[in-house]
Amino acid sequence: MATKTKKANPETRENNITEIISAAYIDFVLTKGKRPASVFEFTKKLKIEEQEFYTHFGSFEGLEKNIWAEFIKTTLETLSASGEYNSYPVKEKLLSFYYTLIEVLKKNRSFILVNTEKETELLKNQTLSKARDVYKDYISQLMAEGTESGDIVKRPYITEKYPEGLWLQFLFVLRFWIKDDSAGFEKTDAAIEKAVKVSFDLMGPGAVDSLLDMAKFLYQNK
């Protein structure tokens, strides 16, 4: 009796190819200290058709954007697999996100240092544009959860700015870690804790509401 051959899942195959291309690109950059001269040269060394590269990425810039986005996705997948994470309050979830992200980035630190050597590109969010979208989607979900639980106060004209503000926090953590030379990146852990505390002090009930109330009072009684 003939056995049935299982058909490869197209999505799985595509993920495998993008992972192979990404891993090969990271290896090339670490070995040579720069991008390949051309897609043709790169795919020839990888022994795939040039067309295969363009099926998944429009350029090396597009590939780098995807690599950064995968760092965020891997972090979120790791968190989702943790039963404890789902029971955390939103502040603890954001702390866990950053701590897990740093663990993911550690595995690729050499590539990241090369990739962010020209920090002006990083500041302009060009390389991180796709990662930014993934991060802000996550943050928007976290903010909705925090608003429902009362950990985050919904404020007119301000609440909608939280995801953008927290993206700046993400950049702060990333830059701090890149420059951190402490053993085990202990200073980065401390920076994460302080940054998240400040953000939740501002987003939660307390200081900001007092300032807004005072401003309203002064305006009404000017």
N, C-alpha and C. Protein backbone atom coordinates (compact mmCIF):
# COMPACT_ATOMS: atom_id res chain seq x y z
N MET A 1 0.85 -1.19 0.00
CA MET A 1 0.00 0.00 0.00
C MET A 1 0.88 1.24 0.00
N ALA A 2 0.61 2.14 -0.92
CA ALA A 2 1.43 3.35 -1.05
C ALA A 2 1.16 4.28 0.12
N THR A 3 2.24 4.84 0.62
CA THR A 3 2.10 5.81 1.72
C THR A 3 1.88 7.20 1.15
N LYS A 4 1.10 8.00 1.86
CA LYS A 4 0.83 9.36 1.42
C LYS A 4 1.97 10.28 1.85
N THR A 5 2.38 11.12 0.92
CA THR A 5 3.43 12.08 1.21
C THR A 5 2.81 13.36 1.76
N LYS A 6 3.29 13.78 2.92
CA LYS A 6 2.76 15.00 3.51
C LYS A 6 3.25 16.22 2.73
N LYS A 7 2.32 17.09 2.42
CA LYS A 7 2.69 18.32 1.73
C LYS A 7 3.23 19.34 2.73
N ALA A 8 4.28 20.01 2.31
CA ALA A 8 4.88 21.02 3.18
C ALA A 8 3.95 22.21 3.33
N ASN A 9 3.81 22.67 4.52
CA ASN A 9 3.00 23.86 4.80
C ASN A 9 3.69 25.07 4.19
N PRO A 10 3.03 25.79 3.25
CA PRO A 10 3.66 26.95 2.60
C PRO A 10 4.17 27.98 3.59
N GLU A 11 3.40 28.21 4.67
CA GLU A 11 3.80 29.21 5.66
C GLU A 11 5.07 28.77 6.41
N THR A 12 5.12 27.47 6.73
CA THR A 12 6.30 26.94 7.42
C THR A 12 7.53 27.04 6.53
N ARG A 13 7.34 26.70 5.23
CA ARG A 13 8.46 26.77 4.29
C ARG A 13 8.96 28.21 4.18
N GLU A 14 8.04 29.17 4.09
CA GLU A 14 8.43 30.56 3.97
C GLU A 14 9.18 31.03 5.20
N ASN A 15 8.71 30.62 6.38
CA ASN A 15 9.39 30.99 7.61
C ASN A 15 10.80 30.42 7.65
N ASN A 16 10.94 29.17 7.19
CA ASN A 16 12.25 28.53 7.17
C ASN A 16 13.21 29.27 6.25
N ILE A 17 12.73 29.67 5.09
CA ILE A 17 13.58 30.37 4.13
C ILE A 17 14.01 31.73 4.66
N THR A 18 13.06 32.46 5.24
CA THR A 18 13.41 33.78 5.78
C THR A 18 14.40 33.65 6.93
N GLU A 19 14.26 32.59 7.75
CA GLU A 19 15.20 32.36 8.84
C GLU A 19 16.58 32.03 8.31
N ILE A 20 16.65 31.22 7.25
CA ILE A 20 17.93 30.85 6.64
C ILE A 20 18.62 32.07 6.06
N ILE A 21 17.85 32.89 5.34
CA ILE A 21 18.41 34.11 4.74
C ILE A 21 18.89 35.07 5.83
N SER A 22 18.08 35.24 6.87
CA SER A 22 18.43 36.15 7.96
C SER A 22 19.70 35.69 8.68
N ALA A 23 19.77 34.38 8.98
CA ALA A 23 20.94 33.83 9.67
C ALA A 23 22.20 33.98 8.81
N ALA A 24 22.06 33.73 7.51
CA ALA A 24 23.20 33.86 6.61
C ALA A 24 23.66 35.31 6.50
N TYR A 25 22.71 36.23 6.51
CA TYR A 25 23.04 37.65 6.42
C TYR A 25 23.77 38.11 7.68
N ILE A 26 23.27 37.71 8.84
CA ILE A 26 23.92 38.05 10.10
C ILE A 26 25.35 37.52 10.13
N ASP A 27 25.52 36.27 9.68
CA ASP A 27 26.85 35.66 9.63
C ASP A 27 27.78 36.43 8.69
N PHE A 28 27.27 36.86 7.55
CA PHE A 28 28.08 37.61 6.58
C PHE A 28 28.53 38.93 7.19
N VAL A 29 27.58 39.65 7.80
CA VAL A 29 27.90 40.96 8.39
C VAL A 29 28.93 40.82 9.50
N LEU A 30 28.80 39.77 10.33
CA LEU A 30 29.75 39.56 11.41
C LEU A 30 31.13 39.16 10.89
N THR A 31 31.15 38.40 9.81
CA THR A 31 32.42 37.94 9.24
C THR A 31 33.14 39.05 8.49
N LYS A 32 32.38 39.81 7.72
CA LYS A 32 32.97 40.84 6.87
C LYS A 32 32.93 42.24 7.50
N GLY A 33 32.06 42.43 8.49
CA GLY A 33 31.94 43.74 9.11
C GLY A 33 31.17 44.74 8.29
N LYS A 34 30.44 44.27 7.30
CA LYS A 34 29.66 45.15 6.45
C LYS A 34 28.62 44.34 5.68
N ARG A 35 27.72 45.04 5.00
CA ARG A 35 26.73 44.35 4.16
C ARG A 35 27.41 43.74 2.94
N PRO A 36 26.78 42.71 2.34
CA PRO A 36 27.30 42.20 1.07
C PRO A 36 27.27 43.30 0.01
N ALA A 37 28.13 43.20 -0.97
CA ALA A 37 28.20 44.22 -2.02
C ALA A 37 26.93 44.26 -2.84
N SER A 38 26.29 43.12 -3.00
CA SER A 38 25.06 43.05 -3.80
C SER A 38 24.25 41.83 -3.39
N VAL A 39 22.97 41.85 -3.74
CA VAL A 39 22.12 40.69 -3.49
C VAL A 39 22.61 39.50 -4.30
N PHE A 40 23.11 39.76 -5.51
CA PHE A 40 23.63 38.69 -6.36
C PHE A 40 24.78 37.97 -5.67
N GLU A 41 25.74 38.74 -5.13
CA GLU A 41 26.88 38.13 -4.44
C GLU A 41 26.42 37.32 -3.24
N PHE A 42 25.49 37.89 -2.48
CA PHE A 42 25.00 37.24 -1.27
C PHE A 42 24.29 35.93 -1.58
N THR A 43 23.37 35.96 -2.53
CA THR A 43 22.60 34.75 -2.86
C THR A 43 23.48 33.69 -3.51
N LYS A 44 24.51 34.11 -4.21
CA LYS A 44 25.43 33.14 -4.82
C LYS A 44 26.16 32.36 -3.74
N LYS A 45 26.62 33.06 -2.71
CA LYS A 45 27.29 32.40 -1.59
C LYS A 45 26.31 31.50 -0.83
N LEU A 46 25.06 31.92 -0.77
CA LEU A 46 24.03 31.16 -0.07
C LEU A 46 23.50 30.00 -0.91
N LYS A 47 23.85 30.02 -2.21
CA LYS A 47 23.44 28.99 -3.17
C LYS A 47 21.92 28.92 -3.33
N ILE A 48 21.33 30.12 -3.45
CA ILE A 48 19.93 30.20 -3.80
C ILE A 48 19.79 31.20 -4.95
N GLU A 49 18.66 31.15 -5.64
CA GLU A 49 18.43 32.07 -6.73
C GLU A 49 18.20 33.49 -6.18
N GLU A 50 18.71 34.48 -6.90
CA GLU A 50 18.52 35.87 -6.49
C GLU A 50 17.03 36.19 -6.35
N GLN A 51 16.22 35.60 -7.22
CA GLN A 51 14.78 35.81 -7.20
C GLN A 51 14.17 35.37 -5.87
N GLU A 52 14.75 34.33 -5.27
CA GLU A 52 14.24 33.83 -3.99
C GLU A 52 14.38 34.89 -2.90
N PHE A 53 15.48 35.62 -2.93
CA PHE A 53 15.67 36.70 -1.95
C PHE A 53 14.59 37.75 -2.11
N TYR A 54 14.35 38.17 -3.35
CA TYR A 54 13.39 39.25 -3.60
C TYR A 54 11.94 38.80 -3.38
N THR A 55 11.73 37.51 -3.29
CA THR A 55 10.39 37.02 -2.95
C THR A 55 10.03 37.40 -1.52
N HIS A 56 11.05 37.53 -0.68
CA HIS A 56 10.83 37.77 0.75
C HIS A 56 11.26 39.16 1.20
N PHE A 57 12.26 39.73 0.53
CA PHE A 57 12.78 41.03 0.94
C PHE A 57 13.07 41.89 -0.28
N GLY A 58 12.79 43.18 -0.15
CA GLY A 58 13.03 44.08 -1.28
C GLY A 58 14.45 44.57 -1.38
N SER A 59 15.19 44.48 -0.25
CA SER A 59 16.56 44.99 -0.20
C SER A 59 17.20 44.52 1.09
N PHE A 60 18.48 44.81 1.26
CA PHE A 60 19.14 44.48 2.52
C PHE A 60 18.55 45.30 3.67
N GLU A 61 18.14 46.53 3.36
CA GLU A 61 17.49 47.37 4.37
C GLU A 61 16.20 46.70 4.86
N GLY A 62 15.44 46.16 3.90
CA GLY A 62 14.21 45.46 4.25
C GLY A 62 14.48 44.22 5.08
N LEU A 63 15.57 43.53 4.78
CA LEU A 63 15.96 42.34 5.54
C LEU A 63 16.32 42.71 6.97
N GLU A 64 17.07 43.81 7.13
CA GLU A 64 17.45 44.26 8.46
C GLU A 64 16.22 44.67 9.29
N LYS A 65 15.29 45.33 8.65
CA LYS A 65 14.05 45.70 9.34
C LYS A 65 13.32 44.46 9.84
N ASN A 66 13.32 43.42 9.02
CA ASN A 66 12.65 42.18 9.39
C ASN A 66 13.37 41.49 10.55
N ILE A 67 14.70 41.53 10.54
CA ILE A 67 15.49 40.92 11.62
C ILE A 67 15.16 41.58 12.95
N TRP A 68 15.10 42.92 12.95
CA TRP A 68 14.76 43.65 14.18
C TRP A 68 13.33 43.34 14.64
N ALA A 69 12.41 43.25 13.69
CA ALA A 69 11.03 42.92 14.05
C ALA A 69 10.95 41.52 14.66
N GLU A 70 11.78 40.60 14.15
CA GLU A 70 11.79 39.24 14.67
C GLU A 70 12.30 39.20 16.11
N PHE A 71 13.21 40.11 16.46
CA PHE A 71 13.66 40.18 17.85
C PHE A 71 12.47 40.45 18.78
N ILE A 72 11.60 41.37 18.36
CA ILE A 72 10.42 41.70 19.16
C ILE A 72 9.44 40.52 19.18
N LYS A 73 9.22 39.93 18.02
CA LYS A 73 8.28 38.81 17.92
C LYS A 73 8.74 37.63 18.76
N THR A 74 10.03 37.34 18.73
CA THR A 74 10.58 36.25 19.53
C THR A 74 10.38 36.52 21.02
N THR A 75 10.57 37.77 21.42
CA THR A 75 10.34 38.17 22.81
C THR A 75 8.89 37.92 23.21
N LEU A 76 7.97 38.35 22.36
CA LEU A 76 6.54 38.20 22.67
C LEU A 76 6.12 36.73 22.68
N GLU A 77 6.70 35.94 21.80
CA GLU A 77 6.40 34.50 21.77
C GLU A 77 6.90 33.83 23.04
N THR A 78 8.06 34.24 23.51
CA THR A 78 8.62 33.68 24.75
C THR A 78 7.73 34.02 25.93
N LEU A 79 7.25 35.25 25.97
CA LEU A 79 6.37 35.68 27.06
C LEU A 79 5.05 34.93 27.01
N SER A 80 4.50 34.77 25.82
CA SER A 80 3.21 34.10 25.66
C SER A 80 3.27 32.64 26.12
N ALA A 81 4.45 32.05 25.98
CA ALA A 81 4.62 30.64 26.37
C ALA A 81 4.73 30.48 27.88
N SER A 82 4.86 31.61 28.59
CA SER A 82 4.98 31.56 30.05
C SER A 82 3.61 31.69 30.70
N GLY A 83 3.25 30.72 31.49
CA GLY A 83 1.96 30.78 32.18
C GLY A 83 1.91 31.90 33.20
N GLU A 84 3.04 32.18 33.84
CA GLU A 84 3.09 33.22 34.86
C GLU A 84 2.86 34.60 34.28
N TYR A 85 3.43 34.86 33.10
CA TYR A 85 3.35 36.18 32.49
C TYR A 85 1.90 36.65 32.34
N ASN A 86 1.03 35.76 31.93
CA ASN A 86 -0.37 36.14 31.68
C ASN A 86 -1.10 36.60 32.93
N SER A 87 -0.59 36.24 34.11
CA SER A 87 -1.25 36.64 35.36
C SER A 87 -0.66 37.93 35.95
N TYR A 88 0.38 38.46 35.31
CA TYR A 88 1.03 39.67 35.83
C TYR A 88 0.17 40.91 35.60
N PRO A 89 0.26 41.92 36.48
CA PRO A 89 -0.32 43.24 36.19
C PRO A 89 0.48 43.89 35.07
N VAL A 90 -0.06 44.93 34.44
CA VAL A 90 0.56 45.48 33.23
C VAL A 90 1.97 46.00 33.47
N LYS A 91 2.22 46.59 34.62
CA LYS A 91 3.57 47.09 34.89
C LYS A 91 4.58 45.96 34.88
N GLU A 92 4.24 44.85 35.54
CA GLU A 92 5.12 43.69 35.58
C GLU A 92 5.28 43.06 34.20
N LYS A 93 4.23 43.14 33.39
CA LYS A 93 4.32 42.61 32.03
C LYS A 93 5.32 43.40 31.20
N LEU A 94 5.31 44.73 31.35
CA LEU A 94 6.25 45.54 30.59
C LEU A 94 7.68 45.31 31.08
N LEU A 95 7.86 45.17 32.37
CA LEU A 95 9.18 44.83 32.91
C LEU A 95 9.66 43.51 32.34
N SER A 96 8.78 42.51 32.33
CA SER A 96 9.13 41.19 31.80
C SER A 96 9.47 41.26 30.32
N PHE A 97 8.74 42.12 29.60
CA PHE A 97 9.03 42.30 28.17
C PHE A 97 10.47 42.76 27.97
N TYR A 98 10.87 43.80 28.70
CA TYR A 98 12.21 44.35 28.52
C TYR A 98 13.29 43.36 28.96
N TYR A 99 13.08 42.70 30.09
CA TYR A 99 14.08 41.74 30.56
C TYR A 99 14.24 40.59 29.55
N THR A 100 13.12 40.13 29.00
CA THR A 100 13.16 39.05 28.01
C THR A 100 13.78 39.54 26.71
N LEU A 101 13.44 40.76 26.31
CA LEU A 101 14.02 41.34 25.10
C LEU A 101 15.55 41.37 25.19
N ILE A 102 16.07 41.80 26.33
CA ILE A 102 17.53 41.87 26.49
C ILE A 102 18.15 40.48 26.35
N GLU A 103 17.48 39.46 26.86
CA GLU A 103 17.99 38.10 26.70
C GLU A 103 18.04 37.69 25.24
N VAL A 104 17.02 38.09 24.48
CA VAL A 104 16.99 37.81 23.05
C VAL A 104 18.10 38.57 22.33
N LEU A 105 18.27 39.84 22.68
CA LEU A 105 19.28 40.66 22.02
C LEU A 105 20.70 40.20 22.34
N LYS A 106 20.90 39.68 23.56
CA LYS A 106 22.24 39.20 23.94
C LYS A 106 22.78 38.18 22.94
N LYS A 107 21.90 37.34 22.43
CA LYS A 107 22.31 36.30 21.50
C LYS A 107 22.78 36.87 20.17
N ASN A 108 22.45 38.13 19.93
CA ASN A 108 22.80 38.77 18.66
C ASN A 108 23.55 40.08 18.87
N ARG A 109 24.21 40.22 20.03
CA ARG A 109 24.83 41.50 20.38
C ARG A 109 25.89 41.94 19.36
N SER A 110 26.71 41.03 18.90
CA SER A 110 27.77 41.39 17.96
C SER A 110 27.17 41.98 16.68
N PHE A 111 26.11 41.36 16.17
CA PHE A 111 25.45 41.87 14.97
C PHE A 111 24.83 43.23 15.25
N ILE A 112 24.19 43.37 16.40
CA ILE A 112 23.52 44.63 16.75
C ILE A 112 24.53 45.77 16.86
N LEU A 113 25.69 45.50 17.43
CA LEU A 113 26.71 46.53 17.56
C LEU A 113 27.19 47.00 16.19
N VAL A 114 27.34 46.06 15.25
CA VAL A 114 27.72 46.44 13.89
C VAL A 114 26.58 47.19 13.21
N ASN A 115 25.38 46.69 13.38
CA ASN A 115 24.22 47.25 12.71
C ASN A 115 23.86 48.64 13.20
N THR A 116 24.19 48.94 14.46
CA THR A 116 23.85 50.25 15.04
C THR A 116 25.07 51.16 15.15
N GLU A 117 26.13 50.80 14.43
CA GLU A 117 27.36 51.61 14.50
C GLU A 117 27.09 53.05 14.08
N LYS A 118 26.27 53.20 13.04
CA LYS A 118 25.84 54.54 12.62
C LYS A 118 24.55 54.85 13.36
N GLU A 119 24.68 55.42 14.56
CA GLU A 119 23.52 55.57 15.43
C GLU A 119 22.50 56.57 14.89
N THR A 120 22.90 57.42 13.95
CA THR A 120 21.93 58.37 13.39
C THR A 120 20.81 57.62 12.68
N GLU A 121 21.14 56.49 12.04
CA GLU A 121 20.10 55.69 11.37
C GLU A 121 19.13 55.13 12.41
N LEU A 122 19.67 54.72 13.55
CA LEU A 122 18.83 54.17 14.61
C LEU A 122 17.92 55.25 15.16
N LEU A 123 18.46 56.44 15.36
CA LEU A 123 17.67 57.54 15.89
C LEU A 123 16.53 57.93 14.97
N LYS A 124 16.75 57.76 13.65
CA LYS A 124 15.71 58.11 12.68
C LYS A 124 14.69 56.99 12.54
N ASN A 125 14.90 55.89 13.26
CA ASN A 125 13.96 54.76 13.24
C ASN A 125 13.84 54.08 11.88
N GLN A 126 14.84 54.25 11.02
CA GLN A 126 14.76 53.61 9.71
C GLN A 126 14.88 52.09 9.83
N THR A 127 15.93 51.65 10.50
CA THR A 127 16.14 50.21 10.65
C THR A 127 15.09 49.58 11.55
N LEU A 128 14.55 50.37 12.48
CA LEU A 128 13.62 49.83 13.47
C LEU A 128 12.15 50.07 13.14
N SER A 129 11.86 50.56 11.94
CA SER A 129 10.48 50.94 11.62
C SER A 129 9.50 49.77 11.73
N LYS A 130 9.90 48.60 11.28
CA LYS A 130 9.01 47.44 11.34
C LYS A 130 8.89 46.94 12.78
N ALA A 131 10.00 46.97 13.52
CA ALA A 131 9.99 46.59 14.94
C ALA A 131 9.10 47.54 15.73
N ARG A 132 9.14 48.80 15.34
CA ARG A 132 8.32 49.82 16.01
C ARG A 132 6.84 49.48 15.88
N ASP A 133 6.42 49.05 14.71
CA ASP A 133 5.01 48.70 14.50
C ASP A 133 4.60 47.52 15.38
N VAL A 134 5.46 46.50 15.45
CA VAL A 134 5.16 45.32 16.27
C VAL A 134 5.10 45.71 17.75
N TYR A 135 6.05 46.51 18.17
CA TYR A 135 6.10 46.96 19.57
C TYR A 135 4.87 47.79 19.93
N LYS A 136 4.49 48.72 19.08
CA LYS A 136 3.36 49.59 19.38
C LYS A 136 2.04 48.83 19.39
N ASP A 137 1.92 47.79 18.58
CA ASP A 137 0.73 46.93 18.64
C ASP A 137 0.65 46.26 20.01
N TYR A 138 1.79 45.77 20.48
CA TYR A 138 1.85 45.13 21.80
C TYR A 138 1.51 46.14 22.90
N ILE A 139 2.10 47.32 22.81
CA ILE A 139 1.88 48.34 23.82
C ILE A 139 0.42 48.79 23.85
N SER A 140 -0.20 48.91 22.68
CA SER A 140 -1.61 49.31 22.62
C SER A 140 -2.50 48.31 23.36
N GLN A 141 -2.20 47.02 23.20
CA GLN A 141 -2.95 45.98 23.91
C GLN A 141 -2.72 46.09 25.42
N LEU A 142 -1.46 46.36 25.79
CA LEU A 142 -1.11 46.49 27.20
C LEU A 142 -1.80 47.71 27.82
N MET A 143 -1.86 48.81 27.06
CA MET A 143 -2.51 50.02 27.56
C MET A 143 -4.01 49.79 27.76
N ALA A 144 -4.62 49.07 26.85
CA ALA A 144 -6.06 48.78 26.98
C ALA A 144 -6.31 47.94 28.23
N GLU A 145 -5.43 46.99 28.47
CA GLU A 145 -5.56 46.14 29.66
C GLU A 145 -5.35 46.96 30.93
N GLY A 146 -4.37 47.87 30.90
CA GLY A 146 -4.08 48.70 32.05
C GLY A 146 -5.19 49.69 32.35
N THR A 147 -5.82 50.22 31.31
CA THR A 147 -6.93 51.15 31.49
C THR A 147 -8.13 50.44 32.12
N GLU A 148 -8.35 49.20 31.68
CA GLU A 148 -9.47 48.43 32.22
C GLU A 148 -9.25 48.07 33.69
N SER A 149 -7.98 47.78 34.04
CA SER A 149 -7.68 47.38 35.42
C SER A 149 -7.54 48.58 36.35
N GLY A 150 -7.39 49.79 35.77
CA GLY A 150 -7.22 50.99 36.59
C GLY A 150 -5.77 51.35 36.87
N ASP A 151 -4.85 50.53 36.36
CA ASP A 151 -3.43 50.82 36.55
C ASP A 151 -2.99 52.01 35.70
N ILE A 152 -3.74 52.26 34.64
CA ILE A 152 -3.45 53.38 33.74
C ILE A 152 -4.70 54.24 33.67
N VAL A 153 -4.52 55.55 33.84
CA VAL A 153 -5.65 56.47 33.82
C VAL A 153 -5.88 56.96 32.39
N LYS A 154 -7.13 56.91 31.97
CA LYS A 154 -7.48 57.41 30.64
C LYS A 154 -7.66 58.91 30.70
N ARG A 155 -6.81 59.63 29.98
CA ARG A 155 -6.83 61.09 30.01
C ARG A 155 -7.04 61.63 28.59
N PRO A 156 -7.93 62.62 28.43
CA PRO A 156 -8.18 63.21 27.11
C PRO A 156 -6.89 63.76 26.50
N TYR A 157 -6.69 63.44 25.21
CA TYR A 157 -5.57 63.95 24.42
C TYR A 157 -4.20 63.39 24.83
N ILE A 158 -4.12 62.71 25.96
CA ILE A 158 -2.83 62.23 26.44
C ILE A 158 -2.69 60.72 26.27
N THR A 159 -3.75 59.99 26.62
CA THR A 159 -3.70 58.53 26.57
C THR A 159 -3.28 58.00 25.20
N GLU A 160 -3.78 58.63 24.15
CA GLU A 160 -3.46 58.16 22.80
C GLU A 160 -1.99 58.37 22.46
N LYS A 161 -1.28 59.18 23.25
CA LYS A 161 0.14 59.43 23.02
C LYS A 161 1.03 58.43 23.76
N TYR A 162 0.46 57.63 24.64
CA TYR A 162 1.25 56.70 25.43
C TYR A 162 2.12 55.75 24.59
N PRO A 163 1.55 55.09 23.55
CA PRO A 163 2.38 54.18 22.76
C PRO A 163 3.61 54.85 22.15
N GLU A 164 3.45 56.09 21.69
CA GLU A 164 4.59 56.80 21.10
C GLU A 164 5.60 57.13 22.19
N GLY A 165 5.11 57.53 23.35
CA GLY A 165 6.01 57.83 24.46
C GLY A 165 6.79 56.59 24.90
N LEU A 166 6.11 55.45 24.93
CA LEU A 166 6.77 54.22 25.34
C LEU A 166 7.74 53.71 24.27
N TRP A 167 7.52 54.10 23.02
CA TRP A 167 8.50 53.77 21.98
C TRP A 167 9.81 54.50 22.26
N LEU A 168 9.71 55.73 22.73
CA LEU A 168 10.92 56.47 23.12
C LEU A 168 11.61 55.77 24.29
N GLN A 169 10.81 55.19 25.17
CA GLN A 169 11.37 54.42 26.27
C GLN A 169 12.11 53.20 25.73
N PHE A 170 11.53 52.54 24.75
CA PHE A 170 12.17 51.38 24.10
C PHE A 170 13.53 51.78 23.55
N LEU A 171 13.58 52.92 22.85
CA LEU A 171 14.84 53.39 22.28
C LEU A 171 15.86 53.70 23.37
N PHE A 172 15.37 54.28 24.47
CA PHE A 172 16.26 54.57 25.59
C PHE A 172 16.90 53.28 26.12
N VAL A 173 16.07 52.25 26.33
CA VAL A 173 16.57 50.97 26.85
C VAL A 173 17.56 50.36 25.87
N LEU A 174 17.24 50.41 24.59
CA LEU A 174 18.11 49.83 23.57
C LEU A 174 19.47 50.53 23.54
N ARG A 175 19.44 51.86 23.51
CA ARG A 175 20.70 52.62 23.49
C ARG A 175 21.52 52.37 24.74
N PHE A 176 20.85 52.31 25.89
CA PHE A 176 21.55 52.09 27.16
C PHE A 176 22.24 50.73 27.13
N TRP A 177 21.54 49.70 26.66
CA TRP A 177 22.10 48.35 26.61
C TRP A 177 23.27 48.28 25.64
N ILE A 178 23.15 48.95 24.50
CA ILE A 178 24.22 48.94 23.50
C ILE A 178 25.52 49.50 24.09
N LYS A 179 25.38 50.53 24.94
CA LYS A 179 26.56 51.19 25.51
C LYS A 179 26.98 50.60 26.86
N ASP A 180 26.17 49.70 27.40
CA ASP A 180 26.42 49.15 28.73
C ASP A 180 27.60 48.17 28.71
N ASP A 181 28.58 48.40 29.57
CA ASP A 181 29.73 47.49 29.66
C ASP A 181 29.82 46.85 31.04
N SER A 182 28.72 46.91 31.81
CA SER A 182 28.72 46.29 33.14
C SER A 182 28.55 44.78 33.02
N ALA A 183 29.07 44.06 34.02
CA ALA A 183 28.97 42.60 34.02
C ALA A 183 27.52 42.16 34.04
N GLY A 184 27.17 41.29 33.09
CA GLY A 184 25.79 40.79 33.02
C GLY A 184 24.78 41.86 32.68
N PHE A 185 25.27 43.02 32.22
CA PHE A 185 24.41 44.16 31.88
C PHE A 185 23.50 44.54 33.05
N GLU A 186 24.10 44.53 34.25
CA GLU A 186 23.33 44.85 35.46
C GLU A 186 22.80 46.28 35.43
N LYS A 187 23.58 47.20 34.84
CA LYS A 187 23.12 48.59 34.78
C LYS A 187 21.88 48.72 33.90
N THR A 188 21.81 47.91 32.84
CA THR A 188 20.63 47.93 31.97
C THR A 188 19.39 47.47 32.73
N ASP A 189 19.54 46.43 33.54
CA ASP A 189 18.42 45.95 34.36
C ASP A 189 17.90 47.06 35.27
N ALA A 190 18.84 47.80 35.88
CA ALA A 190 18.45 48.90 36.77
C ALA A 190 17.78 50.02 35.98
N ALA A 191 18.29 50.31 34.78
CA ALA A 191 17.71 51.35 33.93
C ALA A 191 16.30 50.99 33.51
N ILE A 192 16.09 49.72 33.20
CA ILE A 192 14.75 49.25 32.81
C ILE A 192 13.77 49.46 33.96
N GLU A 193 14.18 49.05 35.16
CA GLU A 193 13.30 49.17 36.32
C GLU A 193 12.91 50.62 36.58
N LYS A 194 13.89 51.52 36.49
CA LYS A 194 13.62 52.94 36.75
C LYS A 194 12.75 53.55 35.65
N ALA A 195 13.03 53.18 34.38
CA ALA A 195 12.27 53.73 33.25
C ALA A 195 10.81 53.31 33.31
N VAL A 196 10.58 52.04 33.61
CA VAL A 196 9.20 51.54 33.68
C VAL A 196 8.47 52.15 34.87
N LYS A 197 9.17 52.32 36.00
CA LYS A 197 8.55 52.93 37.17
C LYS A 197 8.10 54.36 36.86
N VAL A 198 8.97 55.13 36.21
CA VAL A 198 8.63 56.50 35.86
C VAL A 198 7.42 56.55 34.93
N SER A 199 7.40 55.68 33.92
CA SER A 199 6.30 55.70 32.95
C SER A 199 4.98 55.36 33.61
N PHE A 200 4.97 54.41 34.55
CA PHE A 200 3.71 54.06 35.21
C PHE A 200 3.32 55.06 36.28
N ASP A 201 4.31 55.76 36.85
CA ASP A 201 3.98 56.87 37.75
C ASP A 201 3.25 57.97 36.99
N LEU A 202 3.65 58.16 35.73
CA LEU A 202 3.03 59.20 34.91
C LEU A 202 1.69 58.77 34.34
N MET A 203 1.59 57.48 33.95
CA MET A 203 0.35 57.00 33.33
C MET A 203 -0.71 56.62 34.36
N GLY A 204 -0.26 56.28 35.57
CA GLY A 204 -1.20 55.85 36.60
C GLY A 204 -1.80 57.02 37.35
N PRO A 205 -2.70 56.74 38.27
CA PRO A 205 -3.31 57.81 39.06
C PRO A 205 -2.28 58.41 40.00
N GLY A 206 -2.28 59.74 40.13
CA GLY A 206 -1.31 60.34 41.03
C GLY A 206 -0.80 61.68 40.55
N ALA A 207 0.50 61.73 40.30
CA ALA A 207 1.19 63.00 40.04
C ALA A 207 0.59 63.78 38.88
N VAL A 208 0.39 63.15 37.74
CA VAL A 208 -0.12 63.85 36.56
C VAL A 208 -1.52 64.40 36.82
N ASP A 209 -2.35 63.60 37.48
CA ASP A 209 -3.72 64.05 37.76
C ASP A 209 -3.70 65.27 38.68
N SER A 210 -2.78 65.29 39.64
CA SER A 210 -2.66 66.44 40.55
C SER A 210 -2.25 67.68 39.77
N LEU A 211 -1.31 67.51 38.84
CA LEU A 211 -0.85 68.64 38.03
C LEU A 211 -1.98 69.17 37.14
N LEU A 212 -2.72 68.23 36.53
CA LEU A 212 -3.83 68.63 35.66
C LEU A 212 -4.93 69.33 36.46
N ASP A 213 -5.18 68.82 37.65
CA ASP A 213 -6.20 69.42 38.50
C ASP A 213 -5.79 70.83 38.91
N MET A 214 -4.51 71.01 39.23
CA MET A 214 -4.01 72.33 39.61
C MET A 214 -4.09 73.29 38.42
N ALA A 215 -3.71 72.80 37.24
CA ALA A 215 -3.76 73.64 36.05
C ALA A 215 -5.20 74.06 35.75
N LYS A 216 -6.14 73.13 35.91
CA LYS A 216 -7.55 73.44 35.69
C LYS A 216 -8.04 74.49 36.69
N PHE A 217 -7.63 74.32 37.94
CA PHE A 217 -8.02 75.24 39.01
C PHE A 217 -7.49 76.65 38.72
N LEU A 218 -6.21 76.74 38.34
CA LEU A 218 -5.60 78.03 38.06
C LEU A 218 -6.26 78.72 36.86
N TYR A 219 -6.61 77.90 35.85
CA TYR A 219 -7.26 78.45 34.66
C TYR A 219 -8.63 79.01 35.00
N GLN A 220 -9.37 78.27 35.84
CA GLN A 220 -10.73 78.70 36.20
C GLN A 220 -10.72 79.90 37.15
N ASN A 221 -9.60 80.11 37.81
CA ASN A 221 -9.54 81.19 38.79
C ASN A 221 -8.49 82.23 38.45
N LYS A 222 -8.18 82.33 37.18
CA LYS A 222 -7.16 83.32 36.79
C LYS A 222 -7.73 84.74 36.90
